[in-house]
C-alpha atoms as a PDB file:
ATOM      1  CA  MET A   1      31.467  -8.770 144.829  1.00  0.00           C
ATOM      2  CA  SER A   2      34.922  -9.953 145.195  1.00  0.00           C
ATOM      3  CA  ASP A   3      36.582  -9.613 148.660  1.00  0.00           C
ATOM      4  CA  VAL A   4      38.607  -6.342 148.910  1.00  0.00           C
ATOM      5  CA  GLN A   5      41.114  -5.743 151.589  1.00  0.00           C
ATOM      6  CA  VAL A   6      43.007  -2.165 152.036  1.00  0.00           C
ATOM      7  CA  VAL A   7      46.762  -2.309 152.140  1.00  0.00           C
ATOM      8  CA  GLU A   8      49.137   0.476 153.053  1.00  0.00           C
ATOM      9  CA  VAL A   9      51.842   0.470 150.624  1.00  0.00           C
ATOM     10  CA  PHE A  10      55.266   2.333 150.793  1.00  0.00           C
ATOM     11  CA  LYS A  11      54.761   2.826 154.567  1.00  0.00           C
ATOM     12  CA  SER A  12      57.668   4.359 156.689  1.00  0.00           C
ATOM     13  CA  LYS A  13      58.725   3.721 160.227  1.00  0.00           C
ATOM     14  CA  GLN A  14      56.204   6.616 161.196  1.00  0.00           C
ATOM     15  CA  GLY A  15      53.221   4.840 159.595  1.00  0.00           C
ATOM     16  CA  GLY A  16      51.786   6.319 156.674  1.00  0.00           C
ATOM     17  CA  GLY A  17      51.673   4.531 153.364  1.00  0.00           C
ATOM     18  CA  ASN A  18      49.255   4.964 150.501  1.00  0.00           C
ATOM     19  CA  PRO A  19      46.048   2.834 150.837  1.00  0.00           C
ATOM     20  CA  ALA A  20      45.326   0.540 147.949  1.00  0.00           C
ATOM     21  CA  PRO A  21      42.143  -1.438 147.986  1.00  0.00           C
ATOM     22  CA  ILE A  22      42.967  -4.750 146.474  1.00  0.00           C
ATOM     23  CA  ALA A  23      41.141  -7.731 145.230  1.00  0.00           C
ATOM     24  CA  VAL A  24      42.994 -10.774 144.712  1.00  0.00           C
ATOM     25  CA  GLU A  25      40.361 -12.869 143.059  1.00  0.00           C
ATOM     26  CA  ALA A  26      38.920 -10.557 140.728  1.00  0.00           C
ATOM     27  CA  ASP A  27      38.002 -12.855 137.790  1.00  0.00           C
ATOM     28  CA  GLY A  28      34.516 -11.967 136.712  1.00  0.00           C
ATOM     29  CA  LEU A  29      34.456  -8.478 137.775  1.00  0.00           C
ATOM     30  CA  SER A  30      33.686  -5.960 135.130  1.00  0.00           C
ATOM     31  CA  ALA A  31      35.223  -2.558 134.420  1.00  0.00           C
ATOM     32  CA  GLU A  32      32.106  -0.769 135.891  1.00  0.00           C
ATOM     33  CA  GLN A  33      32.456  -2.893 139.050  1.00  0.00           C
ATOM     34  CA  MET A  34      36.173  -2.285 139.599  1.00  0.00           C
ATOM     35  CA  THR A  35      35.352   1.633 138.975  1.00  0.00           C
ATOM     36  CA  ALA A  36      32.658   1.406 141.562  1.00  0.00           C
ATOM     37  CA  ILE A  37      35.047  -0.166 144.195  1.00  0.00           C
ATOM     38  CA  ALA A  38      37.730   2.414 143.704  1.00  0.00           C
ATOM     39  CA  ARG A  39      35.069   5.117 143.958  1.00  0.00           C
ATOM     40  CA  SER A  40      33.605   3.708 147.162  1.00  0.00           C
ATOM     41  CA  TYR A  41      36.920   3.470 148.924  1.00  0.00           C
ATOM     42  CA  GLY A  42      38.253   7.042 146.998  1.00  0.00           C
ATOM     43  CA  HIS A  43      41.693   5.178 146.343  1.00  0.00           C
ATOM     44  CA  GLU A  44      43.493   3.794 143.427  1.00  0.00           C
ATOM     45  CA  SER A  45      42.571   0.071 143.466  1.00  0.00           C
ATOM     46  CA  GLY A  46      44.327  -3.131 142.301  1.00  0.00           C
ATOM     47  CA  PHE A  47      42.714  -6.443 140.977  1.00  0.00           C
ATOM     48  CA  ALA A  48      44.475  -9.447 140.226  1.00  0.00           C
ATOM     49  CA  PHE A  49      43.170 -11.829 137.285  1.00  0.00           C
ATOM     50  CA  THR A  50      44.100 -15.032 135.998  1.00  0.00           C
ATOM     51  CA  PRO A  51      46.531 -14.169 133.243  1.00  0.00           C
ATOM     52  CA  ARG A  52      45.409 -14.560 129.479  1.00  0.00           C
ATOM     53  CA  ASP A  53      48.732 -16.031 128.753  1.00  0.00           C
ATOM     54  CA  GLN A  54      49.515 -18.524 131.488  1.00  0.00           C
ATOM     55  CA  ALA A  55      52.650 -19.862 129.974  1.00  0.00           C
ATOM     56  CA  SER A  56      54.566 -16.477 130.400  1.00  0.00           C
ATOM     57  CA  HIS A  57      52.728 -14.682 133.229  1.00  0.00           C
ATOM     58  CA  ASP A  58      51.585 -15.467 136.800  1.00  0.00           C
ATOM     59  CA  TYR A  59      48.908 -12.746 137.196  1.00  0.00           C
ATOM     60  CA  HIS A  60      47.167 -10.114 135.119  1.00  0.00           C
ATOM     61  CA  PHE A  61      46.777  -6.901 137.144  1.00  0.00           C
ATOM     62  CA  ARG A  62      44.354  -3.947 136.404  1.00  0.00           C
ATOM     63  CA  PHE A  63      44.156  -0.614 138.276  1.00  0.00           C
ATOM     64  CA  PHE A  64      41.323   1.781 138.653  1.00  0.00           C
ATOM     65  CA  VAL A  65      41.000   5.237 140.446  1.00  0.00           C
ATOM     66  CA  PRO A  66      37.681   6.625 141.090  1.00  0.00           C
ATOM     67  CA  LEU A  67      37.154   8.010 137.648  1.00  0.00           C
ATOM     68  CA  HIS A  68      38.867   5.588 135.318  1.00  0.00           C
ATOM     69  CA  GLU A  69      41.101   2.846 134.685  1.00  0.00           C
ATOM     70  CA  MET A  70      44.928   3.255 134.757  1.00  0.00           C
ATOM     71  CA  SER A  71      47.496   1.300 132.703  1.00  0.00           C
ATOM     72  CA  MET A  72      50.147   1.139 135.614  1.00  0.00           C
ATOM     73  CA  CYS A  73      49.999   1.845 139.319  1.00  0.00           C
ATOM     74  CA  GLY A  74      53.233   1.279 141.318  1.00  0.00           C
ATOM     75  CA  HIS A  75      51.811   1.044 144.793  1.00  0.00           C
ATOM     76  CA  ALA A  76      48.518  -1.023 143.851  1.00  0.00           C
ATOM     77  CA  THR A  77      50.978  -3.695 142.347  1.00  0.00           C
ATOM     78  CA  ILE A  78      53.265  -3.887 145.242  1.00  0.00           C
ATOM     79  CA  GLY A  79      50.076  -4.049 147.550  1.00  0.00           C
ATOM     80  CA  THR A  80      48.581  -6.804 145.547  1.00  0.00           C
ATOM     81  CA  VAL A  81      51.674  -8.836 145.473  1.00  0.00           C
ATOM     82  CA  TRP A  82      52.070  -8.153 149.195  1.00  0.00           C
ATOM     83  CA  LEU A  83      48.484  -9.446 149.903  1.00  0.00           C
ATOM     84  CA  LEU A  84      48.758 -12.530 147.662  1.00  0.00           C
ATOM     85  CA  GLN A  85      52.024 -13.384 149.843  1.00  0.00           C
ATOM     86  CA  GLN A  86      50.170 -12.843 153.144  1.00  0.00           C
ATOM     87  CA  LEU A  87      47.424 -14.939 151.894  1.00  0.00           C
ATOM     88  CA  GLY A  88      49.649 -17.847 150.969  1.00  0.00           C
ATOM     89  CA  LYS A  89      48.841 -17.803 147.427  1.00  0.00           C
ATOM     90  CA  LEU A  90      52.364 -17.560 146.193  1.00  0.00           C
ATOM     91  CA  ASP A  91      55.015 -20.519 145.986  1.00  0.00           C
ATOM     92  CA  ARG A  92      57.828 -18.378 144.670  1.00  0.00           C
ATOM     93  CA  GLN A  93      59.890 -15.117 145.317  1.00  0.00           C
ATOM     94  CA  GLN A  94      59.592 -13.855 141.767  1.00  0.00           C
ATOM     95  CA  LEU A  95      56.439 -12.913 139.681  1.00  0.00           C
ATOM     96  CA  SER A  96      55.754 -12.070 136.048  1.00  0.00           C
ATOM     97  CA  ILE A  97      52.639  -9.839 136.000  1.00  0.00           C
ATOM     98  CA  GLU A  98      50.788  -8.584 132.751  1.00  0.00           C
ATOM     99  CA  THR A  99      49.563  -5.138 132.889  1.00  0.00           C
ATOM    100  CA  GLN A 100      48.209  -2.746 130.364  1.00  0.00           C
ATOM    101  CA  SER A 101      51.732  -1.047 130.328  1.00  0.00           C
ATOM    102  CA  GLY A 102      53.707  -4.095 129.673  1.00  0.00           C
ATOM    103  CA  THR A 103      54.988  -7.036 131.770  1.00  0.00           C
ATOM    104  CA  VAL A 104      56.255  -6.255 135.223  1.00  0.00           C
ATOM    105  CA  THR A 105      58.577  -8.432 137.209  1.00  0.00           C
ATOM    106  CA  ALA A 106      57.853  -8.570 141.052  1.00  0.00           C
ATOM    107  CA  HIS A 107      60.768  -9.611 143.660  1.00  0.00           C
ATOM    108  CA  ILE A 108      59.759 -10.579 147.121  1.00  0.00           C
ATOM    109  CA  GLN A 109      62.231 -10.424 149.902  1.00  0.00           C
ATOM    110  CA  GLY A 110      61.300 -11.713 153.278  1.00  0.00           C
ATOM    111  CA  ASP A 111      58.557 -13.989 154.820  1.00  0.00           C
ATOM    112  CA  PRO A 112      54.824 -12.899 155.014  1.00  0.00           C
ATOM    113  CA  GLY A 113      54.537  -9.997 157.559  1.00  0.00           C
ATOM    114  CA  ASN A 114      54.857  -6.197 157.709  1.00  0.00           C
ATOM    115  CA  ASP A 115      58.850  -6.794 157.129  1.00  0.00           C
ATOM    116  CA  ALA A 116      58.445  -8.191 153.601  1.00  0.00           C
ATOM    117  CA  PHE A 117      59.800  -6.063 151.039  1.00  0.00           C
ATOM    118  CA  ILE A 118      58.413  -5.987 147.649  1.00  0.00           C
ATOM    119  CA  GLU A 119      59.810  -4.320 144.412  1.00  0.00           C
ATOM    120  CA  ILE A 120      58.861  -4.322 140.913  1.00  0.00           C
ATOM    121  CA  SER A 121      60.603  -3.554 137.674  1.00  0.00           C
ATOM    122  CA  GLN A 122      60.122  -0.582 135.245  1.00  0.00           C
ATOM    123  CA  PRO A 123      61.793   0.121 132.027  1.00  0.00           C
ATOM    124  CA  ALA A 124      64.360   2.868 131.331  1.00  0.00           C
ATOM    125  CA  GLY A 125      63.023   6.233 131.716  1.00  0.00           C
ATOM    126  CA  VAL A 126      62.348   8.700 128.874  1.00  0.00           C
ATOM    127  CA  VAL A 127      63.004  12.419 129.705  1.00  0.00           C
ATOM    128  CA  SER A 128      62.182  15.743 127.942  1.00  0.00           C
ATOM    129  CA  ARG A 129      62.216  19.403 128.885  1.00  0.00           C
ATOM    130  CA  VAL A 130      59.080  21.325 129.225  1.00  0.00           C
ATOM    131  CA  ASP A 131      60.705  24.750 128.054  1.00  0.00           C
ATOM    132  CA  ASP A 132      57.550  26.955 127.524  1.00  0.00           C
ATOM    133  CA  ALA A 133      57.932  29.938 129.820  1.00  0.00           C
ATOM    134  CA  GLY A 134      54.350  30.534 130.048  1.00  0.00           C
ATOM    135  CA  ILE A 135      53.393  27.181 130.861  1.00  0.00           C
ATOM    136  CA  ARG A 136      56.150  27.248 133.721  1.00  0.00           C
ATOM    137  CA  ALA A 137      54.507  30.266 135.178  1.00  0.00           C
ATOM    138  CA  ARG A 138      51.129  28.966 134.924  1.00  0.00           C
ATOM    139  CA  ILE A 139      52.285  25.690 136.727  1.00  0.00           C
ATOM    140  CA  ILE A 140      53.852  27.619 139.565  1.00  0.00           C
ATOM    141  CA  GLU A 141      50.535  29.520 139.988  1.00  0.00           C
ATOM    142  CA  ALA A 142      48.640  26.214 139.984  1.00  0.00           C
ATOM    143  CA  ILE A 143      50.671  24.843 142.918  1.00  0.00           C
ATOM    144  CA  GLY A 144      50.398  28.075 144.903  1.00  0.00           C
ATOM    145  CA  LEU A 145      54.216  28.875 145.020  1.00  0.00           C
ATOM    146  CA  GLN A 146      56.198  31.686 143.691  1.00  0.00           C
ATOM    147  CA  PRO A 147      59.026  31.648 140.963  1.00  0.00           C
ATOM    148  CA  ASP A 148      61.662  31.932 143.522  1.00  0.00           C
ATOM    149  CA  ASP A 149      60.538  29.049 145.503  1.00  0.00           C
ATOM    150  CA  LEU A 150      61.795  26.762 142.797  1.00  0.00           C
ATOM    151  CA  LEU A 151      65.343  25.648 141.929  1.00  0.00           C
ATOM    152  CA  ASP A 152      66.787  27.250 138.858  1.00  0.00           C
ATOM    153  CA  LEU A 153      66.266  24.185 136.684  1.00  0.00           C
ATOM    154  CA  PRO A 154      63.796  23.372 133.824  1.00  0.00           C
ATOM    155  CA  PHE A 155      60.703  21.321 134.454  1.00  0.00           C
ATOM    156  CA  LEU A 156      61.088  17.816 132.960  1.00  0.00           C
ATOM    157  CA  ASN A 157      58.417  15.342 131.634  1.00  0.00           C
ATOM    158  CA  ALA A 158      59.737  11.939 132.612  1.00  0.00           C
ATOM    159  CA  ALA A 159      58.186   8.372 132.409  1.00  0.00           C
ATOM    160  CA  THR A 160      58.936   4.868 132.982  1.00  0.00           C
ATOM    161  CA  SER A 161      55.266   3.778 132.538  1.00  0.00           C
ATOM    162  CA  ARG A 162      53.234   7.205 132.654  1.00  0.00           C
ATOM    163  CA  ILE A 163      54.505  10.844 132.113  1.00  0.00           C
ATOM    164  CA  LYS A 164      55.002  12.964 135.215  1.00  0.00           C
ATOM    165  CA  THR A 165      56.186  16.463 135.268  1.00  0.00           C
ATOM    166  CA  LEU A 166      59.069  17.160 137.593  1.00  0.00           C
ATOM    167  CA  ILE A 167      59.051  20.348 139.529  1.00  0.00           C
ATOM    168  CA  PRO A 168      62.268  21.087 141.548  1.00  0.00           C
ATOM    169  CA  VAL A 169      61.456  22.988 144.794  1.00  0.00           C
ATOM    170  CA  LYS A 170      64.176  24.466 147.125  1.00  0.00           C
ATOM    171  CA  THR A 171      63.270  23.312 150.448  1.00  0.00           C
ATOM    172  CA  PRO A 172      60.921  20.676 152.090  1.00  0.00           C
ATOM    173  CA  ALA A 173      59.339  23.737 153.875  1.00  0.00           C
ATOM    174  CA  LEU A 174      58.481  25.214 150.569  1.00  0.00           C
ATOM    175  CA  LEU A 175      57.287  21.689 149.267  1.00  0.00           C
ATOM    176  CA  ASP A 176      55.011  21.455 152.173  1.00  0.00           C
ATOM    177  CA  ALA A 177      53.458  25.061 151.452  1.00  0.00           C
ATOM    178  CA  ALA A 178      52.350  24.041 147.876  1.00  0.00           C
ATOM    179  CA  ARG A 179      48.454  24.366 147.534  1.00  0.00           C
ATOM    180  CA  PRO A 180      47.251  22.484 144.237  1.00  0.00           C
ATOM    181  CA  ASP A 181      44.409  24.179 142.253  1.00  0.00           C
ATOM    182  CA  SER A 182      43.303  20.764 140.802  1.00  0.00           C
ATOM    183  CA  PRO A 183      41.047  22.047 137.939  1.00  0.00           C
ATOM    184  CA  ARG A 184      43.954  24.279 136.695  1.00  0.00           C
ATOM    185  CA  ILE A 185      46.444  21.347 137.202  1.00  0.00           C
ATOM    186  CA  LYS A 186      44.190  19.051 135.204  1.00  0.00           C
ATOM    187  CA  ASP A 187      44.090  21.553 132.222  1.00  0.00           C
ATOM    188  CA  LEU A 188      47.810  22.042 132.475  1.00  0.00           C
ATOM    189  CA  CYS A 189      48.660  18.389 132.681  1.00  0.00           C
ATOM    190  CA  GLU A 190      46.353  17.820 129.291  1.00  0.00           C
ATOM    191  CA  GLU A 191      48.216  20.737 127.680  1.00  0.00           C
ATOM    192  CA  ILE A 192      51.634  19.237 128.316  1.00  0.00           C
ATOM    193  CA  ASP A 193      50.637  15.434 128.005  1.00  0.00           C
ATOM    194  CA  SER A 194      51.160  14.739 131.600  1.00  0.00           C
ATOM    195  CA  THR A 195      49.461  12.623 134.073  1.00  0.00           C
ATOM    196  CA  GLY A 196      50.421  14.580 137.154  1.00  0.00           C
ATOM    197  CA  LEU A 197      52.823  17.178 138.718  1.00  0.00           C
ATOM    198  CA  TYR A 198      55.537  15.837 140.879  1.00  0.00           C
ATOM    199  CA  LEU A 199      57.180  18.303 143.136  1.00  0.00           C
ATOM    200  CA  PHE A 200      60.343  17.380 144.886  1.00  0.00           C
ATOM    201  CA  CYS A 201      63.386  18.596 146.566  1.00  0.00           C
ATOM    202  CA  PRO A 202      66.603  17.141 147.924  1.00  0.00           C
ATOM    203  CA  ARG A 203      67.128  16.412 151.360  1.00  0.00           C
ATOM    204  CA  PRO A 204      69.751  18.758 152.789  1.00  0.00           C
ATOM    205  CA  ASP A 205      73.057  17.122 153.863  1.00  0.00           C
ATOM    206  CA  ILE A 206      71.631  13.470 152.936  1.00  0.00           C
ATOM    207  CA  ALA A 207      72.470  12.051 149.589  1.00  0.00           C
ATOM    208  CA  ARG A 208      70.067  10.259 147.458  1.00  0.00           C
ATOM    209  CA  GLN A 209      67.327  11.159 149.571  1.00  0.00           C
ATOM    210  CA  PHE A 210      64.506  13.412 148.289  1.00  0.00           C
ATOM    211  CA  ASP A 211      60.916  14.783 149.430  1.00  0.00           C
ATOM    212  CA  SER A 212      58.207  14.674 147.073  1.00  0.00           C
ATOM    213  CA  ARG A 213      54.523  15.265 146.493  1.00  0.00           C
ATOM    214  CA  GLN A 214      52.240  14.275 143.531  1.00  0.00           C
ATOM    215  CA  PHE A 215      49.163  16.344 142.307  1.00  0.00           C
ATOM    216  CA  PRO A 216      47.602  14.069 139.730  1.00  0.00           C
ATOM    217  CA  LYS A 217      45.769  15.243 136.579  1.00  0.00           C
ATOM    218  CA  ALA A 218      42.337  13.684 137.028  1.00  0.00           C
ATOM    219  CA  SER A 219      42.296  10.860 139.687  1.00  0.00           C
ATOM    220  CA  GLY A 220      39.354  11.972 141.655  1.00  0.00           C
ATOM    221  CA  TYR A 221      41.483  13.211 144.521  1.00  0.00           C
ATOM    222  CA  PRO A 222      44.017  16.078 144.808  1.00  0.00           C
ATOM    223  CA  GLU A 223      47.150  14.427 146.031  1.00  0.00           C
ATOM    224  CA  ASP A 224      48.709  10.955 146.551  1.00  0.00           C
ATOM    225  CA  ALA A 225      50.612   9.773 149.749  1.00  0.00           C
ATOM    226  CA  ALA A 226      52.945   7.664 147.786  1.00  0.00           C
ATOM    227  CA  THR A 227      53.426   7.376 143.998  1.00  0.00           C
ATOM    228  CA  GLY A 228      56.042   4.706 142.962  1.00  0.00           C
ATOM    229  CA  ILE A 229      55.611   5.266 139.070  1.00  0.00           C
ATOM    230  CA  ALA A 230      56.245   8.891 139.886  1.00  0.00           C
ATOM    231  CA  ALA A 231      59.419   7.998 141.937  1.00  0.00           C
ATOM    232  CA  THR A 232      60.776   6.001 139.030  1.00  0.00           C
ATOM    233  CA  ALA A 233      60.111   8.785 136.754  1.00  0.00           C
ATOM    234  CA  LEU A 234      61.816  11.067 139.317  1.00  0.00           C
ATOM    235  CA  ALA A 235      64.962   8.792 139.237  1.00  0.00           C
ATOM    236  CA  PHE A 236      65.544   9.300 135.608  1.00  0.00           C
ATOM    237  CA  GLY A 237      64.876  13.063 136.026  1.00  0.00           C
ATOM    238  CA  LEU A 238      67.530  13.003 138.758  1.00  0.00           C
ATOM    239  CA  LEU A 239      69.981  11.753 136.389  1.00  0.00           C
ATOM    240  CA  GLU A 240      69.206  14.269 133.799  1.00  0.00           C
ATOM    241  CA  TYR A 241      69.660  17.040 136.425  1.00  0.00           C
ATOM    242  CA  GLY A 242      72.963  15.699 137.536  1.00  0.00           C
ATOM    243  CA  MET A 243      71.706  15.101 140.980  1.00  0.00           C
ATOM    244  CA  ILE A 244      72.709  11.507 141.207  1.00  0.00           C
ATOM    245  CA  GLU A 245      75.259   9.234 139.609  1.00  0.00           C
ATOM    246  CA  ALA A 246      74.263   6.311 137.251  1.00  0.00           C
ATOM    247  CA  ASP A 247      74.870   3.453 139.861  1.00  0.00           C
ATOM    248  CA  GLU A 248      72.784   0.912 141.608  1.00  0.00           C
ATOM    249  CA  GLN A 249      72.794   2.654 144.916  1.00  0.00           C
ATOM    250  CA  PRO A 250      69.280   3.113 146.428  1.00  0.00           C
ATOM    251  CA  ILE A 251      67.256   6.207 146.253  1.00  0.00           C
ATOM    252  CA  LEU A 252      64.894   7.139 148.999  1.00  0.00           C
ATOM    253  CA  VAL A 253      61.914   9.190 147.998  1.00  0.00           C
ATOM    254  CA  HIS A 254      59.927  10.427 151.064  1.00  0.00           C
ATOM    255  CA  GLN A 255      56.206  11.575 150.193  1.00  0.00           C
ATOM    256  CA  GLY A 256      52.984  12.173 151.782  1.00  0.00           C
ATOM    257  CA  ARG A 257      54.192  14.179 154.864  1.00  0.00           C
ATOM    258  CA  ALA A 258      52.197  17.265 153.940  1.00  0.00           C
ATOM    259  CA  MET A 259      49.102  14.938 154.108  1.00  0.00           C
ATOM    260  CA  GLY A 260      50.014  13.315 157.344  1.00  0.00           C
ATOM    261  CA  ARG A 261      50.685  10.049 155.717  1.00  0.00           C
ATOM    262  CA  PRO A 262      54.729  10.103 155.672  1.00  0.00           C
ATOM    263  CA  SER A 263      55.633   7.377 153.083  1.00  0.00           C
ATOM    264  CA  ASP A 264      59.063   5.886 151.862  1.00  0.00           C
ATOM    265  CA  ILE A 265      59.539   4.855 148.266  1.00  0.00           C
ATOM    266  CA  TYR A 266      62.770   3.093 147.393  1.00  0.00           C
ATOM    267  CA  VAL A 267      64.096   3.099 143.770  1.00  0.00           C
ATOM    268  CA  ARG A 268      67.368   1.529 142.362  1.00  0.00           C
ATOM    269  CA  LEU A 269      68.567   1.721 138.900  1.00  0.00           C
ATOM    270  CA  ASP A 270      69.309  -1.409 136.887  1.00  0.00           C
ATOM    271  CA  LEU A 271      72.533  -1.049 135.021  1.00  0.00           C
ATOM    272  CA  GLY A 272      72.114  -4.462 133.306  1.00  0.00           C
ATOM    273  CA  ALA A 273      75.186  -6.567 132.461  1.00  0.00           C
ATOM    274  CA  GLY A 274      78.096  -4.054 131.911  1.00  0.00           C
ATOM    275  CA  SER A 275      76.114  -1.156 130.808  1.00  0.00           C
ATOM    276  CA  GLU A 276      77.127   2.369 131.971  1.00  0.00           C
ATOM    277  CA  GLN A 277      73.405   3.790 131.411  1.00  0.00           C
ATOM    278  CA  PRO A 278      70.392   2.204 133.139  1.00  0.00           C
ATOM    279  CA  VAL A 279      68.529  -0.324 131.359  1.00  0.00           C
ATOM    280  CA  GLY A 280      65.443   0.107 133.746  1.00  0.00           C
ATOM    281  CA  CYS A 281      64.910   0.381 137.408  1.00  0.00           C
ATOM    282  CA  TYR A 282      63.063  -1.145 140.341  1.00  0.00           C
ATOM    283  CA  VAL A 283      60.646   0.513 142.697  1.00  0.00           C
ATOM    284  CA  GLY A 284      60.026  -1.084 146.243  1.00  0.00           C
ATOM    285  CA  GLY A 285      58.797  -0.583 149.790  1.00  0.00           C
ATOM    286  CA  TYR A 286      57.073  -1.963 152.804  1.00  0.00           C
ATOM    287  CA  SER A 287      53.477  -2.425 153.203  1.00  0.00           C
ATOM    288  CA  ALA A 288      50.758  -3.289 155.994  1.00  0.00           C
ATOM    289  CA  PHE A 289      47.102  -4.068 156.323  1.00  0.00           C
ATOM    290  CA  ALA A 290      45.256  -0.797 156.708  1.00  0.00           C
ATOM    291  CA  ALA A 291      43.561   0.105 160.093  1.00  0.00           C
ATOM    292  CA  GLU A 292      40.576   1.148 158.357  1.00  0.00           C
ATOM    293  CA  GLN A 293      39.144  -1.464 156.025  1.00  0.00           C
ATOM    294  CA  GLN A 294      35.831  -0.064 155.254  1.00  0.00           C
ATOM    295  CA  PRO A 295      34.807   1.903 152.064  1.00  0.00           C
ATOM    296  CA  ALA A 296      34.761   5.820 152.811  1.00  0.00           C
ATOM    297  CA  GLY A 297      31.702   6.427 150.460  1.00  0.00           C
ATOM    298  CA  GLU A 298      31.725   8.315 147.155  1.00  0.00           C
ATOM    299  CA  GLN A 299      32.734  11.564 148.215  1.00  0.00           C
ATOM    300  CA  HIS A 300      35.791  11.587 145.943  1.00  0.00           C
ATOM    301  CA  ASP A 301      33.961  11.593 142.678  1.00  0.00           C
ATOM    302  CA  HIS A 302      34.564  15.098 141.551  1.00  0.00           C
END
């Protein structure tokens, strides 16, 4: 079995972060073995392979949750790049990574250690409204909130790699009060072609800072401490809502507080050369080795 190390990704000054079991030498592992690793740890896991096209990519990454393979995972990508740097396996500050969802570029700022900042590229987001009033009411019930707890804005399906449903909540306290009904959320996500509900609210009096929670469709756990791909989807949703301007100033998304794992996700829009609208974005954060490195068992397979 390939050596696995657990990395906390998107950690904040208070600790937190999203645990990502990582294997940086995964050549030879089968899909069944990688699923078993994710199930044993109970977290989405990242695996680094020799790229199929070594002329255009430095690595090929694959991602597994306890129940199945994922096409893309932001925090596992960042965690894998961070671990490769820690282990002295990188000789450059930029990597080209092959994933199921396309080529991802990783930028590395800083030397090996907890102060190294890793960010990865994502394409421009696609946003559409979820206008069905009945579905809106059922989603509100499934997250344990009341209609008056939400901002008077439409729900949006937004994606850079995977579709997330954006749900604007009025206050951080109401955000923390949400209680997901995972089976109902799974059914609703399938109905609206989403991979998770992403609740968020603006931080009062702090520009470009937001609190968030993700309830995934069917990952084998009810909530994520930090979800980079959801944060990139949120950035393009915020543009649609008119909550941010189309510039390259960073957006800071705080996630995981309700789980006791406060995490910080940084997103910046990429305007390209002379473009007034984003041509993509970058999502990044800080990482550290997790205190707990042992598998938790298979209690998350549900």
